[in-house]
PDB file of N, CA and C in Angstrom:
ATOM      1  N   MET A   1       6.621  81.889 -19.267  1.00  0.00           N
ATOM      2  CA  MET A   1       6.352  80.514 -19.541  1.00  0.00           C
ATOM      3  C   MET A   1       7.669  79.857 -19.001  1.00  0.00           C
ATOM      4  N   LYS A   2       8.605  80.522 -18.143  1.00  0.00           N
ATOM      5  CA  LYS A   2      10.081  80.292 -17.725  1.00  0.00           C
ATOM      6  C   LYS A   2       9.601  79.308 -16.306  1.00  0.00           C
ATOM      7  N   ASN A   3       7.853  79.194 -15.478  1.00  0.00           N
ATOM      8  CA  ASN A   3       7.936  78.561 -14.659  1.00  0.00           C
ATOM      9  C   ASN A   3       7.074  77.187 -15.271  1.00  0.00           C
ATOM     10  N   LEU A   4       7.540  76.581 -16.625  1.00  0.00           N
ATOM     11  CA  LEU A   4       6.765  75.396 -16.827  1.00  0.00           C
ATOM     12  C   LEU A   4       7.465  74.478 -15.923  1.00  0.00           C
ATOM     13  N   LYS A   5       8.510  74.628 -15.635  1.00  0.00           N
ATOM     14  CA  LYS A   5       8.749  73.012 -14.419  1.00  0.00           C
ATOM     15  C   LYS A   5       7.745  73.124 -13.331  1.00  0.00           C
ATOM     16  N   PHE A   6       7.569  74.116 -12.621  1.00  0.00           N
ATOM     17  CA  PHE A   6       6.970  74.491 -11.557  1.00  0.00           C
ATOM     18  C   PHE A   6       5.180  73.997 -12.327  1.00  0.00           C
ATOM     19  N   ILE A   7       4.861  74.618 -13.061  1.00  0.00           N
ATOM     20  CA  ILE A   7       3.381  74.421 -13.698  1.00  0.00           C
ATOM     21  C   ILE A   7       3.248  72.563 -13.486  1.00  0.00           C
ATOM     22  N   PHE A   8       4.561  72.245 -14.453  1.00  0.00           N
ATOM     23  CA  PHE A   8       4.156  70.549 -14.712  1.00  0.00           C
ATOM     24  C   PHE A   8       4.414  69.746 -13.027  1.00  0.00           C
ATOM     25  N   SER A   9       5.039  70.323 -12.476  1.00  0.00           N
ATOM     26  CA  SER A   9       5.704  69.769 -10.935  1.00  0.00           C
ATOM     27  C   SER A   9       3.747  70.270 -10.617  1.00  0.00           C
ATOM     28  N   LEU A  10       3.657  71.185 -10.247  1.00  0.00           N
ATOM     29  CA  LEU A  10       1.896  71.305  -9.199  1.00  0.00           C
ATOM     30  C   LEU A  10       0.794  70.527 -10.373  1.00  0.00           C
ATOM     31  N   ALA A  11       0.931  70.465 -11.521  1.00  0.00           N
ATOM     32  CA  ALA A  11      -0.103  68.989 -12.093  1.00  0.00           C
ATOM     33  C   ALA A  11       0.041  68.124 -11.546  1.00  0.00           C
ATOM     34  N   ILE A  12       0.968  67.373 -11.300  1.00  0.00           N
ATOM     35  CA  ILE A  12       1.859  65.856 -11.098  1.00  0.00           C
ATOM     36  C   ILE A  12       1.051  66.419  -9.477  1.00  0.00           C
ATOM     37  N   PHE A  13       1.851  66.932  -8.710  1.00  0.00           N
ATOM     38  CA  PHE A  13       1.428  67.011  -7.277  1.00  0.00           C
ATOM     39  C   PHE A  13       0.057  66.951  -7.248  1.00  0.00           C
ATOM     40  N   LEU A  14      -0.858  67.963  -7.521  1.00  0.00           N
ATOM     41  CA  LEU A  14      -2.270  68.134  -7.620  1.00  0.00           C
ATOM     42  C   LEU A  14      -3.113  67.031  -7.775  1.00  0.00           C
ATOM     43  N   THR A  15      -2.351  66.168  -9.228  1.00  0.00           N
ATOM     44  CA  THR A  15      -3.458  64.890  -9.682  1.00  0.00           C
ATOM     45  C   THR A  15      -2.910  63.902  -8.392  1.00  0.00           C
ATOM     46  N   ILE A  16      -1.701  63.564  -8.044  1.00  0.00           N
ATOM     47  CA  ILE A  16      -1.986  62.698  -7.148  1.00  0.00           C
ATOM     48  C   ILE A  16      -2.676  63.137  -5.650  1.00  0.00           C
ATOM     49  N   GLY A  17      -2.322  64.469  -5.442  1.00  0.00           N
ATOM     50  CA  GLY A  17      -3.303  64.747  -4.015  1.00  0.00           C
ATOM     51  C   GLY A  17      -4.756  64.119  -4.400  1.00  0.00           C
ATOM     52  N   PHE A  18      -5.075  64.379  -5.009  1.00  0.00           N
ATOM     53  CA  PHE A  18      -6.656  64.684  -5.626  1.00  0.00           C
ATOM     54  C   PHE A  18      -6.972  62.564  -5.772  1.00  0.00           C
ATOM     55  N   SER A  19      -6.002  61.970  -6.066  1.00  0.00           N
ATOM     56  CA  SER A  19      -6.223  60.729  -6.166  1.00  0.00           C
ATOM     57  C   SER A  19      -6.596  60.068  -4.873  1.00  0.00           C
ATOM     58  N   THR A  20      -5.889  60.439  -3.639  1.00  0.00           N
ATOM     59  CA  THR A  20      -5.728  60.029  -2.385  1.00  0.00           C
ATOM     60  C   THR A  20      -7.011  60.031  -1.777  1.00  0.00           C
ATOM     61  N   ILE A  21      -7.927  61.189  -2.022  1.00  0.00           N
ATOM     62  CA  ILE A  21      -9.243  61.598  -1.705  1.00  0.00           C
ATOM     63  C   ILE A  21     -10.259  60.136  -2.173  1.00  0.00           C
ATOM     64  N   PHE A  22     -10.081  59.298  -3.356  1.00  0.00           N
ATOM     65  CA  PHE A  22     -10.644  58.270  -3.614  1.00  0.00           C
ATOM     66  C   PHE A  22      -9.694  57.170  -3.470  1.00  0.00           C
ATOM     67  N   ALA A  23      -9.113  56.445  -2.128  1.00  0.00           N
ATOM     68  CA  ALA A  23      -8.431  55.262  -2.114  1.00  0.00           C
ATOM     69  C   ALA A  23      -9.428  54.624  -2.646  1.00  0.00           C
ATOM     70  N   GLN A  24      -8.498  53.398  -2.925  1.00  0.00           N
ATOM     71  CA  GLN A  24      -9.063  52.058  -2.821  1.00  0.00           C
ATOM     72  C   GLN A  24      -8.448  51.358  -1.699  1.00  0.00           C
ATOM     73  N   ASP A  25      -8.896  50.156  -2.154  1.00  0.00           N
ATOM     74  CA  ASP A  25      -7.975  48.849  -1.327  1.00  0.00           C
ATOM     75  C   ASP A  25      -6.508  48.983  -1.361  1.00  0.00           C
ATOM     76  N   LEU A  26      -6.026  49.215  -0.361  1.00  0.00           N
ATOM     77  CA  LEU A  26      -4.594  49.074  -1.025  1.00  0.00           C
ATOM     78  C   LEU A  26      -3.504  47.674  -0.796  1.00  0.00           C
ATOM     79  N   ILE A  27      -2.809  47.372  -1.703  1.00  0.00           N
ATOM     80  CA  ILE A  27      -1.941  46.483  -1.611  1.00  0.00           C
ATOM     81  C   ILE A  27      -0.579  46.351  -0.712  1.00  0.00           C
ATOM     82  N   CYS A  28      -0.151  47.707  -0.101  1.00  0.00           N
ATOM     83  CA  CYS A  28       1.040  47.980   0.277  1.00  0.00           C
ATOM     84  C   CYS A  28       0.530  48.848   1.839  1.00  0.00           C
ATOM     85  N   GLU A  29       1.235  49.052   2.577  1.00  0.00           N
ATOM     86  CA  GLU A  29       1.528  49.978   3.788  1.00  0.00           C
ATOM     87  C   GLU A  29       1.850  51.272   2.683  1.00  0.00           C
ATOM     88  N   PRO A  30       0.997  52.091   3.789  1.00  0.00           N
ATOM     89  CA  PRO A  30       1.723  53.694   2.984  1.00  0.00           C
ATOM     90  C   PRO A  30       3.182  53.767   3.096  1.00  0.00           C
ATOM     91  N   VAL A  31       3.740  54.791   2.393  1.00  0.00           N
ATOM     92  CA  VAL A  31       4.807  55.112   2.909  1.00  0.00           C
ATOM     93  C   VAL A  31       5.137  56.361   3.158  1.00  0.00           C
ATOM     94  N   LYS A  32       5.954  56.182   4.661  1.00  0.00           N
ATOM     95  CA  LYS A  32       5.519  57.716   5.267  1.00  0.00           C
ATOM     96  C   LYS A  32       6.645  58.557   4.532  1.00  0.00           C
ATOM     97  N   SER A  33       6.986  59.987   4.858  1.00  0.00           N
ATOM     98  CA  SER A  33       7.871  60.919   4.108  1.00  0.00           C
ATOM     99  C   SER A  33       9.067  60.457   5.376  1.00  0.00           C
ATOM    100  N   ARG A  34      10.576  60.419   4.250  1.00  0.00           N
ATOM    101  CA  ARG A  34      11.348  60.533   4.839  1.00  0.00           C
ATOM    102  C   ARG A  34      12.272  62.161   5.675  1.00  0.00           C
ATOM    103  N   GLY A  35      11.525  62.922   5.413  1.00  0.00           N
ATOM    104  CA  GLY A  35      11.942  64.324   5.796  1.00  0.00           C
ATOM    105  C   GLY A  35      11.556  65.382   4.894  1.00  0.00           C
ATOM    106  N   GLU A  36      11.844  66.524   5.267  1.00  0.00           N
ATOM    107  CA  GLU A  36      11.614  67.298   3.751  1.00  0.00           C
ATOM    108  C   GLU A  36      12.472  66.743   2.727  1.00  0.00           C
ATOM    109  N   GLY A  37      11.228  67.535   1.808  1.00  0.00           N
ATOM    110  CA  GLY A  37      11.587  67.049   0.071  1.00  0.00           C
ATOM    111  C   GLY A  37      11.740  66.030  -0.178  1.00  0.00           C
ATOM    112  N   HIS A  38      11.084  64.885   0.681  1.00  0.00           N
ATOM    113  CA  HIS A  38      10.833  63.657   0.258  1.00  0.00           C
ATOM    114  C   HIS A  38       9.094  63.633   0.160  1.00  0.00           C
ATOM    115  N   TRP A  39       8.618  63.653  -0.983  1.00  0.00           N
ATOM    116  CA  TRP A  39       7.420  63.417  -0.835  1.00  0.00           C
ATOM    117  C   TRP A  39       6.819  62.046  -2.006  1.00  0.00           C
ATOM    118  N   PRO A  40       6.472  60.720  -0.831  1.00  0.00           N
ATOM    119  CA  PRO A  40       6.175  59.740  -1.269  1.00  0.00           C
ATOM    120  C   PRO A  40       4.868  59.798  -2.194  1.00  0.00           C
ATOM    121  N   ILE A  41       4.909  59.367  -3.124  1.00  0.00           N
ATOM    122  CA  ILE A  41       3.649  58.852  -4.415  1.00  0.00           C
ATOM    123  C   ILE A  41       2.983  57.637  -3.379  1.00  0.00           C
ATOM    124  N   PRO A  42       1.401  58.236  -3.500  1.00  0.00           N
ATOM    125  CA  PRO A  42       0.883  57.415  -2.742  1.00  0.00           C
ATOM    126  C   PRO A  42       0.210  56.256  -3.614  1.00  0.00           C
ATOM    127  N   GLU A  43       0.070  54.871  -3.174  1.00  0.00           N
ATOM    128  CA  GLU A  43      -0.322  54.187  -4.268  1.00  0.00           C
ATOM    129  C   GLU A  43      -1.520  53.835  -5.128  1.00  0.00           C
ATOM    130  N   ASP A  44      -2.443  54.739  -4.164  1.00  0.00           N
ATOM    131  CA  ASP A  44      -3.949  54.897  -5.077  1.00  0.00           C
ATOM    132  C   ASP A  44      -3.589  56.052  -6.176  1.00  0.00           C
ATOM    133  N   ALA A  45      -2.186  56.922  -6.711  1.00  0.00           N
ATOM    134  CA  ALA A  45      -1.682  57.591  -7.407  1.00  0.00           C
ATOM    135  C   ALA A  45      -1.572  56.646  -8.643  1.00  0.00           C
ATOM    136  N   PHE A  46      -1.445  55.826  -9.060  1.00  0.00           N
ATOM    137  CA  PHE A  46      -1.106  54.716  -9.890  1.00  0.00           C
ATOM    138  C   PHE A  46      -1.855  54.384 -10.615  1.00  0.00           C
ATOM    139  N   THR A  47      -2.877  55.286 -11.753  1.00  0.00           N
ATOM    140  CA  THR A  47      -3.740  54.911 -11.895  1.00  0.00           C
ATOM    141  C   THR A  47      -3.742  54.888 -13.832  1.00  0.00           C
ATOM    142  N   ARG A  48      -4.340  54.394 -14.738  1.00  0.00           N
ATOM    143  CA  ARG A  48      -4.254  54.798 -16.020  1.00  0.00           C
ATOM    144  C   ARG A  48      -4.093  55.895 -16.476  1.00  0.00           C
ATOM    145  N   GLU A  49      -5.200  56.344 -15.672  1.00  0.00           N
ATOM    146  CA  GLU A  49      -5.647  57.859 -16.047  1.00  0.00           C
ATOM    147  C   GLU A  49      -4.435  58.547 -15.717  1.00  0.00           C
ATOM    148  N   ASN A  50      -3.642  58.597 -14.622  1.00  0.00           N
ATOM    149  CA  ASN A  50      -2.592  59.286 -14.189  1.00  0.00           C
ATOM    150  C   ASN A  50      -1.317  58.853 -15.646  1.00  0.00           C
ATOM    151  N   ALA A  51      -1.081  57.724 -15.622  1.00  0.00           N
ATOM    152  CA  ALA A  51       0.011  57.174 -16.104  1.00  0.00           C
ATOM    153  C   ALA A  51      -0.212  57.767 -17.607  1.00  0.00           C
ATOM    154  N   LEU A  52      -1.811  58.014 -18.340  1.00  0.00           N
ATOM    155  CA  LEU A  52      -1.853  58.784 -19.988  1.00  0.00           C
ATOM    156  C   LEU A  52      -1.573  59.924 -19.407  1.00  0.00           C
ATOM    157  N   GLU A  53      -2.173  60.448 -18.585  1.00  0.00           N
ATOM    158  CA  GLU A  53      -1.694  62.091 -18.564  1.00  0.00           C
ATOM    159  C   GLU A  53      -0.286  62.609 -18.416  1.00  0.00           C
ATOM    160  N   ARG A  54       0.231  61.800 -17.712  1.00  0.00           N
ATOM    161  CA  ARG A  54       1.875  61.777 -17.940  1.00  0.00           C
ATOM    162  C   ARG A  54       2.930  62.058 -19.033  1.00  0.00           C
ATOM    163  N   ILE A  55       2.105  60.964 -19.736  1.00  0.00           N
ATOM    164  CA  ILE A  55       2.702  60.638 -21.170  1.00  0.00           C
ATOM    165  C   ILE A  55       2.190  61.649 -22.021  1.00  0.00           C
ATOM    166  N   GLY A  56       0.909  62.330 -21.532  1.00  0.00           N
ATOM    167  CA  GLY A  56       0.587  63.653 -22.664  1.00  0.00           C
ATOM    168  C   GLY A  56       1.510  64.720 -22.672  1.00  0.00           C
ATOM    169  N   ASN A  57       1.812  65.289 -20.963  1.00  0.00           N
ATOM    170  CA  ASN A  57       2.352  65.671 -20.662  1.00  0.00           C
ATOM    171  C   ASN A  57       4.103  65.885 -21.586  1.00  0.00           C
ATOM    172  N   LEU A  58       4.582  64.401 -21.726  1.00  0.00           N
ATOM    173  CA  LEU A  58       5.834  64.547 -22.091  1.00  0.00           C
ATOM    174  C   LEU A  58       5.368  65.010 -23.498  1.00  0.00           C
ATOM    175  N   LYS A  59       4.376  64.602 -24.079  1.00  0.00           N
ATOM    176  CA  LYS A  59       4.048  65.036 -25.682  1.00  0.00           C
ATOM    177  C   LYS A  59       4.337  66.273 -25.945  1.00  0.00           C
ATOM    178  N   GLU A  60       3.542  66.771 -24.667  1.00  0.00           N
ATOM    179  CA  GLU A  60       3.346  68.060 -24.665  1.00  0.00           C
ATOM    180  C   GLU A  60       4.807  69.199 -25.116  1.00  0.00           C
ATOM    181  N   LEU A  61       5.657  68.727 -24.475  1.00  0.00           N
ATOM    182  CA  LEU A  61       6.871  68.767 -23.920  1.00  0.00           C
ATOM    183  C   LEU A  61       7.845  69.423 -25.312  1.00  0.00           C
ATOM    184  N   ILE A  62       7.618  68.527 -25.912  1.00  0.00           N
ATOM    185  CA  ILE A  62       8.393  68.296 -27.584  1.00  0.00           C
ATOM    186  C   ILE A  62       8.394  69.117 -28.269  1.00  0.00           C
ATOM    187  N   ASP A  63       7.173  70.091 -27.881  1.00  0.00           N
ATOM    188  CA  ASP A  63       7.019  71.267 -29.081  1.00  0.00           C
ATOM    189  C   ASP A  63       7.170  72.309 -28.249  1.00  0.00           C
ATOM    190  N   GLN A  64       7.769  72.306 -27.119  1.00  0.00           N
ATOM    191  CA  GLN A  64       8.168  74.167 -25.837  1.00  0.00           C
ATOM    192  C   GLN A  64       9.502  73.839 -26.617  1.00  0.00           C
ATOM    193  N   PRO A  65       9.804  75.932 -26.483  1.00  0.00           N
ATOM    194  CA  PRO A  65      11.372  75.900 -26.503  1.00  0.00           C
ATOM    195  C   PRO A  65      12.141  75.344 -25.726  1.00  0.00           C
ATOM    196  N   VAL A  66      13.203  74.898 -26.255  1.00  0.00           N
ATOM    197  CA  VAL A  66      14.218  74.042 -24.699  1.00  0.00           C
ATOM    198  C   VAL A  66      14.524  75.102 -23.967  1.00  0.00           C
ATOM    199  N   GLU A  67      14.372  76.315 -23.829  1.00  0.00           N
ATOM    200  CA  GLU A  67      14.896  77.238 -22.932  1.00  0.00           C
ATOM    201  C   GLU A  67      13.486  77.203 -21.550  1.00  0.00           C
ATOM    202  N   TYR A  68      12.297  76.541 -21.969  1.00  0.00           N
ATOM    203  CA  TYR A  68      11.369  76.877 -21.031  1.00  0.00           C
ATOM    204  C   TYR A  68      11.244  75.116 -20.405  1.00  0.00           C
ATOM    205  N   ILE A  69      11.880  74.253 -20.213  1.00  0.00           N
ATOM    206  CA  ILE A  69      12.319  73.000 -19.820  1.00  0.00           C
ATOM    207  C   ILE A  69      13.299  72.834 -18.640  1.00  0.00           C
ATOM    208  N   ASP A  70      13.199  73.756 -17.636  1.00  0.00           N
ATOM    209  CA  ASP A  70      13.889  73.596 -16.430  1.00  0.00           C
ATOM    210  C   ASP A  70      14.716  72.602 -16.019  1.00  0.00           C
ATOM    211  N   ASP A  71      13.842  71.509 -15.950  1.00  0.00           N
ATOM    212  CA  ASP A  71      14.483  70.481 -15.077  1.00  0.00           C
ATOM    213  C   ASP A  71      14.090  68.788 -15.485  1.00  0.00           C
ATOM    214  N   LEU A  72      14.589  68.467 -16.808  1.00  0.00           N
ATOM    215  CA  LEU A  72      14.551  67.273 -17.559  1.00  0.00           C
ATOM    216  C   LEU A  72      14.499  66.161 -16.673  1.00  0.00           C
ATOM    217  N   GLU A  73      15.318  66.360 -15.456  1.00  0.00           N
ATOM    218  CA  GLU A  73      15.113  64.803 -14.916  1.00  0.00           C
ATOM    219  C   GLU A  73      14.160  64.371 -13.906  1.00  0.00           C
ATOM    220  N   SER A  74      13.656  65.825 -13.455  1.00  0.00           N
ATOM    221  CA  SER A  74      12.828  65.661 -12.398  1.00  0.00           C
ATOM    222  C   SER A  74      11.269  65.177 -13.289  1.00  0.00           C
ATOM    223  N   ILE A  75      10.995  66.089 -14.524  1.00  0.00           N
ATOM    224  CA  ILE A  75      10.109  65.606 -15.243  1.00  0.00           C
ATOM    225  C   ILE A  75      10.060  64.200 -15.731  1.00  0.00           C
ATOM    226  N   GLU A  76      11.437  63.513 -16.265  1.00  0.00           N
ATOM    227  CA  GLU A  76      11.247  62.291 -16.934  1.00  0.00           C
ATOM    228  C   GLU A  76      11.306  61.636 -15.693  1.00  0.00           C
ATOM    229  N   HIS A  77      11.503  61.343 -14.114  1.00  0.00           N
ATOM    230  CA  HIS A  77      11.726  60.862 -13.245  1.00  0.00           C
ATOM    231  C   HIS A  77      10.195  60.675 -12.705  1.00  0.00           C
ATOM    232  N   ASN A  78       9.822  61.623 -12.577  1.00  0.00           N
ATOM    233  CA  ASN A  78       8.316  61.647 -12.439  1.00  0.00           C
ATOM    234  C   ASN A  78       7.585  61.026 -13.618  1.00  0.00           C
ATOM    235  N   THR A  79       7.331  61.499 -14.740  1.00  0.00           N
ATOM    236  CA  THR A  79       6.430  60.572 -15.550  1.00  0.00           C
ATOM    237  C   THR A  79       6.662  59.041 -15.302  1.00  0.00           C
ATOM    238  N   PHE A  80       7.549  58.729 -15.438  1.00  0.00           N
ATOM    239  CA  PHE A  80       8.065  57.346 -15.510  1.00  0.00           C
ATOM    240  C   PHE A  80       7.955  56.542 -14.691  1.00  0.00           C
ATOM    241  N   VAL A  81       8.194  57.315 -13.102  1.00  0.00           N
ATOM    242  CA  VAL A  81       7.704  56.809 -11.922  1.00  0.00           C
ATOM    243  C   VAL A  81       6.349  56.353 -11.717  1.00  0.00           C
ATOM    244  N   ILE A  82       5.391  57.508 -12.602  1.00  0.00           N
ATOM    245  CA  ILE A  82       3.872  56.832 -12.639  1.00  0.00           C
ATOM    246  C   ILE A  82       3.545  55.698 -13.429  1.00  0.00           C
ATOM    247  N   PHE A  83       4.596  56.059 -14.234  1.00  0.00           N
ATOM    248  CA  PHE A  83       4.101  54.929 -15.242  1.00  0.00           C
ATOM    249  C   PHE A  83       4.307  53.650 -14.967  1.00  0.00           C
ATOM    250  N   LYS A  84       5.472  53.071 -14.418  1.00  0.00           N
ATOM    251  CA  LYS A  84       6.023  51.969 -14.307  1.00  0.00           C
ATOM    252  C   LYS A  84       5.031  51.671 -12.648  1.00  0.00           C
ATOM    253  N   GLY A  85       4.741  52.156 -11.686  1.00  0.00           N
ATOM    254  CA  GLY A  85       3.789  52.332 -10.791  1.00  0.00           C
ATOM    255  C   GLY A  85       2.716  51.191 -11.553  1.00  0.00           C
ATOM    256  N   TYR A  86       2.538  52.521 -12.031  1.00  0.00           N
ATOM    257  CA  TYR A  86       1.137  51.691 -12.919  1.00  0.00           C
ATOM    258  C   TYR A  86       0.704  50.067 -13.188  1.00  0.00           C
ATOM    259  N   ILE A  87       2.007  50.353 -13.973  1.00  0.00           N
ATOM    260  CA  ILE A  87       2.368  48.677 -14.518  1.00  0.00           C
ATOM    261  C   ILE A  87       2.502  47.518 -14.002  1.00  0.00           C
ATOM    262  N   LEU A  88       3.069  47.901 -12.977  1.00  0.00           N
ATOM    263  CA  LEU A  88       3.063  47.010 -11.946  1.00  0.00           C
ATOM    264  C   LEU A  88       2.052  46.286 -10.721  1.00  0.00           C
ATOM    265  N   LYS A  89       1.289  47.466 -10.563  1.00  0.00           N
ATOM    266  CA  LYS A  89      -0.240  47.653  -9.729  1.00  0.00           C
ATOM    267  C   LYS A  89      -1.249  46.730 -11.101  1.00  0.00           C
ATOM    268  N   ARG A  90      -1.143  47.158 -11.909  1.00  0.00           N
ATOM    269  CA  ARG A  90      -1.706  46.472 -12.837  1.00  0.00           C
ATOM    270  C   ARG A  90      -1.749  45.026 -12.788  1.00  0.00           C
ATOM    271  N   ARG A  91      -0.085  44.775 -13.169  1.00  0.00           N
ATOM    272  CA  ARG A  91       0.323  43.532 -13.243  1.00  0.00           C
ATOM    273  C   ARG A  91      -0.632  42.407 -11.936  1.00  0.00           C
ATOM    274  N   ILE A  92      -0.321  43.053 -10.579  1.00  0.00           N
ATOM    275  CA  ILE A  92      -1.285  42.461  -9.500  1.00  0.00           C
ATOM    276  C   ILE A  92      -2.598  42.019  -9.600  1.00  0.00           C
ATOM    277  N   ILE A  93      -3.467  43.025 -10.245  1.00  0.00           N
ATOM    278  CA  ILE A  93      -4.415  43.221 -10.184  1.00  0.00           C
ATOM    279  C   ILE A  93      -5.251  42.300 -11.290  1.00  0.00           C
ATOM    280  N   ASP A  94      -4.508  42.438 -12.436  1.00  0.00           N
ATOM    281  CA  ASP A  94      -4.964  41.665 -13.438  1.00  0.00           C
ATOM    282  C   ASP A  94      -4.296  39.854 -12.966  1.00  0.00           C
ATOM    283  N   THR A  95      -3.762  40.148 -12.174  1.00  0.00           N
ATOM    284  CA  THR A  95      -3.293  38.473 -11.860  1.00  0.00           C
ATOM    285  C   THR A  95      -3.846  37.837 -10.774  1.00  0.00           C
ATOM    286  N   ILE A  96      -4.245  38.720  -9.691  1.00  0.00           N
ATOM    287  CA  ILE A  96      -5.181  38.553  -8.504  1.00  0.00           C
ATOM    288  C   ILE A  96      -5.692  37.316  -8.429  1.00  0.00           C
ATOM    289  N   GLU A  97      -7.236  37.465  -9.637  1.00  0.00           N
ATOM    290  CA  GLU A  97      -8.230  36.682  -9.399  1.00  0.00           C
ATOM    291  C   GLU A  97      -7.507  34.946 -10.009  1.00  0.00           C
ATOM    292  N   THR A  98      -6.266  34.679 -10.642  1.00  0.00           N
ATOM    293  CA  THR A  98      -6.240  33.536 -11.196  1.00  0.00           C
ATOM    294  C   THR A  98      -5.235  32.796  -9.989  1.00  0.00           C
ATOM    295  N   ASP A  99      -4.902  33.705  -8.823  1.00  0.00           N
ATOM    296  CA  ASP A  99      -4.389  32.831  -7.705  1.00  0.00           C
ATOM    297  C   ASP A  99      -2.721  32.277  -8.395  1.00  0.00           C
ATOM    298  N   SER A 100      -2.439  33.205  -8.781  1.00  0.00           N
ATOM    299  CA  SER A 100      -0.896  32.623  -9.441  1.00  0.00           C
ATOM    300  C   SER A 100       0.001  32.282  -8.013  1.00  0.00           C
ATOM    301  N   VAL A 101       1.366  31.749  -8.752  1.00  0.00           N
ATOM    302  CA  VAL A 101       1.889  31.603  -7.215  1.00  0.00           C
ATOM    303  C   VAL A 101       3.094  32.783  -7.274  1.00  0.00           C
ATOM    304  N   TRP A 102       2.841  33.411  -8.845  1.00  0.00           N
ATOM    305  CA  TRP A 102       3.417  34.957  -8.688  1.00  0.00           C
ATOM    306  C   TRP A 102       3.038  36.294  -7.478  1.00  0.00           C
ATOM    307  N   ILE A 103       2.078  36.100  -7.355  1.00  0.00           N
ATOM    308  CA  ILE A 103       1.588  37.032  -6.705  1.00  0.00           C
ATOM    309  C   ILE A 103       1.811  37.783  -5.739  1.00  0.00           C
ATOM    310  N   LYS A 104       2.581  36.928  -4.486  1.00  0.00           N
ATOM    311  CA  LYS A 104       3.484  37.710  -3.633  1.00  0.00           C
ATOM    312  C   LYS A 104       4.018  38.240  -4.039  1.00  0.00           C
ATOM    313  N   LYS A 105       5.302  37.420  -4.921  1.00  0.00           N
ATOM    314  CA  LYS A 105       6.776  38.556  -5.458  1.00  0.00           C
ATOM    315  C   LYS A 105       5.926  39.503  -6.069  1.00  0.00           C
ATOM    316  N   MET A 106       4.685  39.642  -6.910  1.00  0.00           N
ATOM    317  CA  MET A 106       4.323  40.723  -7.416  1.00  0.00           C
ATOM    318  C   MET A 106       4.006  41.659  -6.437  1.00  0.00           C
ATOM    319  N   LYS A 107       3.371  41.617  -5.394  1.00  0.00           N
ATOM    320  CA  LYS A 107       3.146  42.505  -4.249  1.00  0.00           C
ATOM    321  C   LYS A 107       4.638  42.704  -3.677  1.00  0.00           C
ATOM    322  N   THR A 108       5.628  42.288  -3.313  1.00  0.00           N
ATOM    323  CA  THR A 108       6.723  42.453  -2.588  1.00  0.00           C
ATOM    324  C   THR A 108       7.578  43.572  -3.625  1.00  0.00           C
ATOM    325  N   ASP A 109       7.447  42.999  -5.042  1.00  0.00           N
ATOM    326  CA  ASP A 109       8.206  44.088  -5.824  1.00  0.00           C
ATOM    327  C   ASP A 109       7.671  45.115  -6.086  1.00  0.00           C
ATOM    328  N   PHE A 110       5.815  45.583  -6.037  1.00  0.00           N
ATOM    329  CA  PHE A 110       5.527  46.933  -5.783  1.00  0.00           C
ATOM    330  C   PHE A 110       5.691  47.577  -4.646  1.00  0.00           C
ATOM    331  N   CYS A 111       5.303  46.925  -3.538  1.00  0.00           N
ATOM    332  CA  CYS A 111       5.964  47.722  -2.342  1.00  0.00           C
ATOM    333  C   CYS A 111       7.086  47.621  -2.333  1.00  0.00           C
ATOM    334  N   ASP A 112       8.210  47.291  -2.760  1.00  0.00           N
ATOM    335  CA  ASP A 112       9.440  47.994  -3.042  1.00  0.00           C
ATOM    336  C   ASP A 112       9.570  48.758  -3.438  1.00  0.00           C
ATOM    337  N   PHE A 113       8.907  49.175  -4.648  1.00  0.00           N
ATOM    338  CA  PHE A 113       8.880  50.136  -5.564  1.00  0.00           C
ATOM    339  C   PHE A 113       8.551  51.797  -5.110  1.00  0.00           C
ATOM    340  N   LEU A 114       7.423  50.988  -4.180  1.00  0.00           N
ATOM    341  CA  LEU A 114       6.711  52.181  -3.615  1.00  0.00           C
ATOM    342  C   LEU A 114       7.874  52.829  -2.228  1.00  0.00           C
ATOM    343  N   LYS A 115       8.385  51.968  -1.548  1.00  0.00           N
ATOM    344  CA  LYS A 115       9.263  52.430  -0.567  1.00  0.00           C
ATOM    345  C   LYS A 115      10.509  53.321  -1.543  1.00  0.00           C
ATOM    346  N   ASP A 116      11.048  52.257  -2.656  1.00  0.00           N
ATOM    347  CA  ASP A 116      12.774  53.197  -2.835  1.00  0.00           C
ATOM    348  C   ASP A 116      12.201  53.743  -4.169  1.00  0.00           C
ATOM    349  N   GLU A 117      10.910  54.051  -4.688  1.00  0.00           N
ATOM    350  CA  GLU A 117      11.508  54.590  -6.034  1.00  0.00           C
ATOM    351  C   GLU A 117      10.069  55.604  -6.230  1.00  0.00           C
ATOM    352  N   ALA A 118       9.120  55.681  -5.600  1.00  0.00           N
ATOM    353  CA  ALA A 118       7.560  56.280  -6.068  1.00  0.00           C
ATOM    354  C   ALA A 118       7.642  57.424  -5.063  1.00  0.00           C
ATOM    355  N   TYR A 119       8.329  58.589  -5.666  1.00  0.00           N
ATOM    356  CA  TYR A 119       8.727  59.704  -5.094  1.00  0.00           C
ATOM    357  C   TYR A 119       8.247  61.055  -5.772  1.00  0.00           C
ATOM    358  N   PHE A 120       7.880  61.912  -5.405  1.00  0.00           N
ATOM    359  CA  PHE A 120       7.623  63.185  -6.526  1.00  0.00           C
ATOM    360  C   PHE A 120       8.993  63.790  -6.734  1.00  0.00           C
ATOM    361  N   SER A 121       9.813  63.724  -7.684  1.00  0.00           N
ATOM    362  CA  SER A 121      10.938  64.774  -7.909  1.00  0.00           C
ATOM    363  C   SER A 121      10.765  66.187  -7.835  1.00  0.00           C
ATOM    364  N   HIS A 122      11.497  66.903  -7.342  1.00  0.00           N
ATOM    365  CA  HIS A 122      11.313  68.374  -7.857  1.00  0.00           C
ATOM    366  C   HIS A 122      12.843  69.140  -7.770  1.00  0.00           C
TER     367      HIS A 122
END
């Protein structure tokens, strides 16, 4: 089980990869990779299902022997970036029908998040 980090990372990568197949209307322009090792997370990966799965993965880590948890910072980043992105996106979706004056700011915040924070850490 020394490869727990690899398995955890692979699960995140596959989930995010498959979610792009079922793309919905996008709020922001897709973020391009900045090069080797920079893997942007696509907007359509920020779903309730992915957020719940990431939180579930954290729960499973609680019972793992500490020596199997290789890179806690990557696990933390990958989990919370999905959760935060889902919350930011959901705010927009839940508010868009109300014609709120805040919708433009919400969209800007979400797009900035995608550019600056939404990348797969490894």
